[in-house]
Amino acid sequence: MPRGQIARRTVKGSAGGRLPAFDPELYKLRNVVERCFNRLKQFRGLATRFAKRAVYHRAEIILACIILHLR
């Protein structure tokens, strides 16, 4: 990390652009959601949004969730 960046964070103190506290339980939930999105993006049709209609896109998401659940 550059010296200027370290100095700037020191000057700003607790308002240095980071959360004042880290909640591990909240992070666990966020991690689950992020992993879910990553697994859904493995389906090419979902990642590139081939289906132009919202109904078809939702159906693809439901099918992908079923496939992931059955694995």
PDB file of N, CA and C in Angstrom:
ATOM      1  N   MET A   1       0.842  -1.168   0.000  1.00  0.00           N
ATOM      2  CA  MET A   1       0.000   0.000   0.000  1.00  0.00           C
ATOM      3  C   MET A   1       0.894   1.241   0.000  1.00  0.00           C
ATOM      4  N   PRO A   2       0.620   2.211  -0.867  1.00  0.00           N
ATOM      5  CA  PRO A   2       1.445   3.413  -0.933  1.00  0.00           C
ATOM      6  C   PRO A   2       1.422   4.204   0.379  1.00  0.00           C
ATOM      7  N   ARG A   3       2.529   4.891   0.643  1.00  0.00           N
ATOM      8  CA  ARG A   3       2.641   5.657   1.895  1.00  0.00           C
ATOM      9  C   ARG A   3       1.568   6.736   2.000  1.00  0.00           C
ATOM     10  N   GLY A   4       1.261   7.389   0.894  1.00  0.00           N
ATOM     11  CA  GLY A   4       0.247   8.444   0.908  1.00  0.00           C
ATOM     12  C   GLY A   4      -1.123   7.912   1.307  1.00  0.00           C
ATOM     13  N   GLN A   5      -1.423   6.718   0.847  1.00  0.00           N
ATOM     14  CA  GLN A   5      -2.712   6.113   1.164  1.00  0.00           C
ATOM     15  C   GLN A   5      -2.776   5.760   2.656  1.00  0.00           C
ATOM     16  N   ILE A   6      -1.692   5.249   3.184  1.00  0.00           N
ATOM     17  CA  ILE A   6      -1.642   4.914   4.608  1.00  0.00           C
ATOM     18  C   ILE A   6      -1.786   6.179   5.447  1.00  0.00           C
ATOM     19  N   ALA A   7      -1.083   7.228   5.050  1.00  0.00           N
ATOM     20  CA  ALA A   7      -1.146   8.490   5.789  1.00  0.00           C
ATOM     21  C   ALA A   7      -2.556   9.066   5.754  1.00  0.00           C
ATOM     22  N   ARG A   8      -3.193   9.001   4.605  1.00  0.00           N
ATOM     23  CA  ARG A   8      -4.552   9.554   4.472  1.00  0.00           C
ATOM     24  C   ARG A   8      -5.535   8.794   5.354  1.00  0.00           C
ATOM     25  N   ARG A   9      -5.417   7.479   5.403  1.00  0.00           N
ATOM     26  CA  ARG A   9      -6.304   6.696   6.267  1.00  0.00           C
ATOM     27  C   ARG A   9      -6.051   7.003   7.735  1.00  0.00           C
ATOM     28  N   THR A  10      -4.802   7.237   8.099  1.00  0.00           N
ATOM     29  CA  THR A  10      -4.471   7.578   9.481  1.00  0.00           C
ATOM     30  C   THR A  10      -5.101   8.918   9.855  1.00  0.00           C
ATOM     31  N   VAL A  11      -5.053   9.878   8.942  1.00  0.00           N
ATOM     32  CA  VAL A  11      -5.632  11.197   9.195  1.00  0.00           C
ATOM     33  C   VAL A  11      -7.146  11.098   9.346  1.00  0.00           C
ATOM     34  N   LYS A  12      -7.782  10.311   8.504  1.00  0.00           N
ATOM     35  CA  LYS A  12      -9.237  10.197   8.547  1.00  0.00           C
ATOM     36  C   LYS A  12      -9.721   9.423   9.769  1.00  0.00           C
ATOM     37  N   GLY A  13      -8.890   8.596  10.331  1.00  0.00           N
ATOM     38  CA  GLY A  13      -9.269   7.848  11.532  1.00  0.00           C
ATOM     39  C   GLY A  13     -10.324   6.801  11.243  1.00  0.00           C
ATOM     40  N   SER A  14     -11.359   6.765  12.091  1.00  0.00           N
ATOM     41  CA  SER A  14     -12.388   5.729  11.932  1.00  0.00           C
ATOM     42  C   SER A  14     -13.243   5.964  10.700  1.00  0.00           C
ATOM     43  N   ALA A  15     -13.216   7.162  10.130  1.00  0.00           N
ATOM     44  CA  ALA A  15     -13.962   7.456   8.910  1.00  0.00           C
ATOM     45  C   ALA A  15     -13.090   7.214   7.688  1.00  0.00           C
ATOM     46  N   GLY A  16     -12.168   6.300   7.777  1.00  0.00           N
ATOM     47  CA  GLY A  16     -11.207   6.058   6.713  1.00  0.00           C
ATOM     48  C   GLY A  16     -11.722   5.216   5.571  1.00  0.00           C
ATOM     49  N   GLY A  17     -13.012   5.140   5.404  1.00  0.00           N
ATOM     50  CA  GLY A  17     -13.572   4.418   4.286  1.00  0.00           C
ATOM     51  C   GLY A  17     -13.866   2.966   4.582  1.00  0.00           C
ATOM     52  N   ARG A  18     -13.710   2.546   5.792  1.00  0.00           N
ATOM     53  CA  ARG A  18     -14.012   1.162   6.161  1.00  0.00           C
ATOM     54  C   ARG A  18     -15.100   1.149   7.220  1.00  0.00           C
ATOM     55  N   LEU A  19     -15.751   0.029   7.336  1.00  0.00           N
ATOM     56  CA  LEU A  19     -16.786  -0.099   8.350  1.00  0.00           C
ATOM     57  C   LEU A  19     -16.165  -0.031   9.739  1.00  0.00           C
ATOM     58  N   PRO A  20     -16.866   0.585  10.696  1.00  0.00           N
ATOM     59  CA  PRO A  20     -16.304   0.690  12.037  1.00  0.00           C
ATOM     60  C   PRO A  20     -16.176  -0.649  12.752  1.00  0.00           C
ATOM     61  N   ALA A  21     -17.021  -1.595  12.395  1.00  0.00           N
ATOM     62  CA  ALA A  21     -16.962  -2.902  13.047  1.00  0.00           C
ATOM     63  C   ALA A  21     -17.193  -3.995  12.007  1.00  0.00           C
ATOM     64  N   PHE A  22     -16.656  -5.156  12.278  1.00  0.00           N
ATOM     65  CA  PHE A  22     -16.812  -6.293  11.373  1.00  0.00           C
ATOM     66  C   PHE A  22     -17.733  -7.303  12.037  1.00  0.00           C
ATOM     67  N   ASP A  23     -18.843  -7.621  11.377  1.00  0.00           N
ATOM     68  CA  ASP A  23     -19.802  -8.575  11.919  1.00  0.00           C
ATOM     69  C   ASP A  23     -19.630  -9.905  11.196  1.00  0.00           C
ATOM     70  N   PRO A  24     -19.032 -10.911  11.840  1.00  0.00           N
ATOM     71  CA  PRO A  24     -18.789 -12.181  11.156  1.00  0.00           C
ATOM     72  C   PRO A  24     -20.064 -12.916  10.748  1.00  0.00           C
ATOM     73  N   GLU A  25     -21.141 -12.764  11.499  1.00  0.00           N
ATOM     74  CA  GLU A  25     -22.396 -13.436  11.146  1.00  0.00           C
ATOM     75  C   GLU A  25     -22.990 -12.837   9.877  1.00  0.00           C
ATOM     76  N   LEU A  26     -22.938 -11.527   9.780  1.00  0.00           N
ATOM     77  CA  LEU A  26     -23.434 -10.860   8.573  1.00  0.00           C
ATOM     78  C   LEU A  26     -22.582 -11.228   7.364  1.00  0.00           C
ATOM     79  N   TYR A  27     -21.278 -11.363   7.568  1.00  0.00           N
ATOM     80  CA  TYR A  27     -20.380 -11.742   6.481  1.00  0.00           C
ATOM     81  C   TYR A  27     -20.667 -13.164   5.999  1.00  0.00           C
ATOM     82  N   LYS A  28     -21.020 -14.063   6.910  1.00  0.00           N
ATOM     83  CA  LYS A  28     -21.358 -15.434   6.513  1.00  0.00           C
ATOM     84  C   LYS A  28     -22.565 -15.433   5.583  1.00  0.00           C
ATOM     85  N   LEU A  29     -23.570 -14.631   5.902  1.00  0.00           N
ATOM     86  CA  LEU A  29     -24.757 -14.551   5.047  1.00  0.00           C
ATOM     87  C   LEU A  29     -24.407 -13.968   3.689  1.00  0.00           C
ATOM     88  N   ARG A  30     -23.577 -12.937   3.683  1.00  0.00           N
ATOM     89  CA  ARG A  30     -23.175 -12.325   2.423  1.00  0.00           C
ATOM     90  C   ARG A  30     -22.392 -13.319   1.581  1.00  0.00           C
ATOM     91  N   ASN A  31     -21.541 -14.093   2.219  1.00  0.00           N
ATOM     92  CA  ASN A  31     -20.744 -15.076   1.514  1.00  0.00           C
ATOM     93  C   ASN A  31     -21.634 -16.121   0.837  1.00  0.00           C
ATOM     94  N   VAL A  32     -22.682 -16.546   1.508  1.00  0.00           N
ATOM     95  CA  VAL A  32     -23.613 -17.522   0.933  1.00  0.00           C
ATOM     96  C   VAL A  32     -24.269 -16.941  -0.325  1.00  0.00           C
ATOM     97  N   VAL A  33     -24.681 -15.694  -0.248  1.00  0.00           N
ATOM     98  CA  VAL A  33     -25.331 -15.049  -1.396  1.00  0.00           C
ATOM     99  C   VAL A  33     -24.347 -14.911  -2.553  1.00  0.00           C
ATOM    100  N   GLU A  34     -23.124 -14.486  -2.272  1.00  0.00           N
ATOM    101  CA  GLU A  34     -22.111 -14.325  -3.320  1.00  0.00           C
ATOM    102  C   GLU A  34     -21.801 -15.657  -3.995  1.00  0.00           C
ATOM    103  N   ARG A  35     -21.689 -16.728  -3.208  1.00  0.00           N
ATOM    104  CA  ARG A  35     -21.415 -18.044  -3.797  1.00  0.00           C
ATOM    105  C   ARG A  35     -22.583 -18.511  -4.646  1.00  0.00           C
ATOM    106  N   CYS A  36     -23.802 -18.190  -4.223  1.00  0.00           N
ATOM    107  CA  CYS A  36     -24.990 -18.554  -5.010  1.00  0.00           C
ATOM    108  C   CYS A  36     -24.961 -17.862  -6.374  1.00  0.00           C
ATOM    109  N   PHE A  37     -24.656 -16.569  -6.380  1.00  0.00           N
ATOM    110  CA  PHE A  37     -24.571 -15.843  -7.651  1.00  0.00           C
ATOM    111  C   PHE A  37     -23.472 -16.419  -8.543  1.00  0.00           C
ATOM    112  N   ASN A  38     -22.344 -16.771  -7.962  1.00  0.00           N
ATOM    113  CA  ASN A  38     -21.251 -17.344  -8.754  1.00  0.00           C
ATOM    114  C   ASN A  38     -21.652 -18.675  -9.368  1.00  0.00           C
ATOM    115  N   ARG A  39     -22.398 -19.481  -8.633  1.00  0.00           N
ATOM    116  CA  ARG A  39     -22.829 -20.774  -9.192  1.00  0.00           C
ATOM    117  C   ARG A  39     -23.868 -20.574 -10.286  1.00  0.00           C
ATOM    118  N   LEU A  40     -24.740 -19.578 -10.116  1.00  0.00           N
ATOM    119  CA  LEU A  40     -25.734 -19.311 -11.154  1.00  0.00           C
ATOM    120  C   LEU A  40     -25.085 -18.774 -12.427  1.00  0.00           C
ATOM    121  N   LYS A  41     -23.989 -18.043 -12.293  1.00  0.00           N
ATOM    122  CA  LYS A  41     -23.309 -17.491 -13.464  1.00  0.00           C
ATOM    123  C   LYS A  41     -22.598 -18.564 -14.278  1.00  0.00           C
ATOM    124  N   GLN A  42     -22.502 -19.776 -13.759  1.00  0.00           N
ATOM    125  CA  GLN A  42     -21.916 -20.862 -14.533  1.00  0.00           C
ATOM    126  C   GLN A  42     -22.828 -21.268 -15.680  1.00  0.00           C
ATOM    127  N   PHE A  43     -24.100 -20.924 -15.584  1.00  0.00           N
ATOM    128  CA  PHE A  43     -25.038 -21.202 -16.661  1.00  0.00           C
ATOM    129  C   PHE A  43     -24.934 -20.062 -17.670  1.00  0.00           C
ATOM    130  N   ARG A  44     -24.495 -20.405 -18.859  1.00  0.00           N
ATOM    131  CA  ARG A  44     -24.169 -19.390 -19.861  1.00  0.00           C
ATOM    132  C   ARG A  44     -25.361 -18.512 -20.212  1.00  0.00           C
ATOM    133  N   GLY A  45     -26.530 -19.102 -20.314  1.00  0.00           N
ATOM    134  CA  GLY A  45     -27.724 -18.337 -20.666  1.00  0.00           C
ATOM    135  C   GLY A  45     -28.072 -17.287 -19.632  1.00  0.00           C
ATOM    136  N   LEU A  46     -27.796 -17.582 -18.386  1.00  0.00           N
ATOM    137  CA  LEU A  46     -28.073 -16.604 -17.328  1.00  0.00           C
ATOM    138  C   LEU A  46     -27.014 -15.512 -17.295  1.00  0.00           C
ATOM    139  N   ALA A  47     -25.765 -15.903 -17.482  1.00  0.00           N
ATOM    140  CA  ALA A  47     -24.673 -14.939 -17.388  1.00  0.00           C
ATOM    141  C   ALA A  47     -24.739 -13.904 -18.510  1.00  0.00           C
ATOM    142  N   THR A  48     -25.177 -14.328 -19.695  1.00  0.00           N
ATOM    143  CA  THR A  48     -25.210 -13.410 -20.835  1.00  0.00           C
ATOM    144  C   THR A  48     -26.607 -12.875 -21.123  1.00  0.00           C
ATOM    145  N   ARG A  49     -27.580 -13.336 -20.365  1.00  0.00           N
ATOM    146  CA  ARG A  49     -28.979 -12.895 -20.503  1.00  0.00           C
ATOM    147  C   ARG A  49     -29.485 -13.090 -21.939  1.00  0.00           C
ATOM    148  N   PHE A  50     -29.436 -14.375 -22.386  1.00  0.00           N
ATOM    149  CA  PHE A  50     -29.942 -14.694 -23.716  1.00  0.00           C
ATOM    150  C   PHE A  50     -31.441 -14.417 -23.818  1.00  0.00           C
ATOM    151  N   ALA A  51     -32.182 -14.781 -22.778  1.00  0.00           N
ATOM    152  CA  ALA A  51     -33.633 -14.579 -22.798  1.00  0.00           C
ATOM    153  C   ALA A  51     -33.928 -13.096 -22.622  1.00  0.00           C
ATOM    154  N   LYS A  52     -34.627 -12.530 -23.581  1.00  0.00           N
ATOM    155  CA  LYS A  52     -34.906 -11.091 -23.531  1.00  0.00           C
ATOM    156  C   LYS A  52     -36.137 -10.778 -22.685  1.00  0.00           C
ATOM    157  N   ARG A  53     -37.044 -11.710 -22.603  1.00  0.00           N
ATOM    158  CA  ARG A  53     -38.248 -11.470 -21.808  1.00  0.00           C
ATOM    159  C   ARG A  53     -37.991 -11.866 -20.356  1.00  0.00           C
ATOM    160  N   ALA A  54     -38.534 -11.082 -19.463  1.00  0.00           N
ATOM    161  CA  ALA A  54     -38.325 -11.312 -18.027  1.00  0.00           C
ATOM    162  C   ALA A  54     -38.880 -12.663 -17.587  1.00  0.00           C
ATOM    163  N   VAL A  55     -39.986 -13.091 -18.187  1.00  0.00           N
ATOM    164  CA  VAL A  55     -40.603 -14.366 -17.812  1.00  0.00           C
ATOM    165  C   VAL A  55     -39.669 -15.526 -18.164  1.00  0.00           C
ATOM    166  N   TYR A  56     -39.060 -15.475 -19.338  1.00  0.00           N
ATOM    167  CA  TYR A  56     -38.144 -16.542 -19.753  1.00  0.00           C
ATOM    168  C   TYR A  56     -36.871 -16.535 -18.902  1.00  0.00           C
ATOM    169  N   HIS A  57     -36.399 -15.336 -18.586  1.00  0.00           N
ATOM    170  CA  HIS A  57     -35.195 -15.229 -17.759  1.00  0.00           C
ATOM    171  C   HIS A  57     -35.466 -15.803 -16.362  1.00  0.00           C
ATOM    172  N   ARG A  58     -36.634 -15.492 -15.817  1.00  0.00           N
ATOM    173  CA  ARG A  58     -36.998 -16.021 -14.499  1.00  0.00           C
ATOM    174  C   ARG A  58     -37.107 -17.539 -14.553  1.00  0.00           C
ATOM    175  N   ALA A  59     -37.647 -18.069 -15.626  1.00  0.00           N
ATOM    176  CA  ALA A  59     -37.762 -19.522 -15.775  1.00  0.00           C
ATOM    177  C   ALA A  59     -36.376 -20.164 -15.825  1.00  0.00           C
ATOM    178  N   GLU A  60     -35.443 -19.523 -16.513  1.00  0.00           N
ATOM    179  CA  GLU A  60     -34.065 -20.039 -16.555  1.00  0.00           C
ATOM    180  C   GLU A  60     -33.437 -20.048 -15.160  1.00  0.00           C
ATOM    181  N   ILE A  61     -33.686 -19.001 -14.396  1.00  0.00           N
ATOM    182  CA  ILE A  61     -33.149 -18.935 -13.038  1.00  0.00           C
ATOM    183  C   ILE A  61     -33.730 -20.053 -12.183  1.00  0.00           C
ATOM    184  N   ILE A  62     -35.023 -20.286 -12.295  1.00  0.00           N
ATOM    185  CA  ILE A  62     -35.664 -21.346 -11.514  1.00  0.00           C
ATOM    186  C   ILE A  62     -35.106 -22.708 -11.902  1.00  0.00           C
ATOM    187  N   LEU A  63     -34.956 -22.950 -13.197  1.00  0.00           N
ATOM    188  CA  LEU A  63     -34.389 -24.229 -13.644  1.00  0.00           C
ATOM    189  C   LEU A  63     -32.951 -24.403 -13.154  1.00  0.00           C
ATOM    190  N   ALA A  64     -32.170 -23.348 -13.212  1.00  0.00           N
ATOM    191  CA  ALA A  64     -30.782 -23.426 -12.734  1.00  0.00           C
ATOM    192  C   ALA A  64     -30.743 -23.727 -11.234  1.00  0.00           C
ATOM    193  N   CYS A  65     -31.637 -23.107 -10.472  1.00  0.00           N
ATOM    194  CA  CYS A  65     -31.696 -23.373  -9.029  1.00  0.00           C
ATOM    195  C   CYS A  65     -32.080 -24.814  -8.749  1.00  0.00           C
ATOM    196  N   ILE A  66     -33.013 -25.341  -9.518  1.00  0.00           N
ATOM    197  CA  ILE A  66     -33.413 -26.744  -9.344  1.00  0.00           C
ATOM    198  C   ILE A  66     -32.251 -27.667  -9.660  1.00  0.00           C
ATOM    199  N   ILE A  67     -31.560 -27.395 -10.759  1.00  0.00           N
ATOM    200  CA  ILE A  67     -30.402 -28.235 -11.132  1.00  0.00           C
ATOM    201  C   ILE A  67     -29.328 -28.185 -10.051  1.00  0.00           C
ATOM    202  N   LEU A  68     -29.034 -26.990  -9.550  1.00  0.00           N
ATOM    203  CA  LEU A  68     -28.017 -26.867  -8.504  1.00  0.00           C
ATOM    204  C   LEU A  68     -28.450 -27.582  -7.220  1.00  0.00           C
ATOM    205  N   HIS A  69     -29.719 -27.519  -6.926  1.00  0.00           N
ATOM    206  CA  HIS A  69     -30.217 -28.171  -5.719  1.00  0.00           C
ATOM    207  C   HIS A  69     -30.149 -29.692  -5.832  1.00  0.00           C
ATOM    208  N   LEU A  70     -30.386 -30.212  -7.030  1.00  0.00           N
ATOM    209  CA  LEU A  70     -30.387 -31.665  -7.220  1.00  0.00           C
ATOM    210  C   LEU A  70     -28.983 -32.247  -7.309  1.00  0.00           C
ATOM    211  N   ARG A  71     -27.980 -31.427  -7.543  1.00  0.00           N
ATOM    212  CA  ARG A  71     -26.608 -31.923  -7.627  1.00  0.00           C
ATOM    213  C   ARG A  71     -26.198 -32.374  -6.298  1.00  0.00           C
TER     214      ARG A  71
END
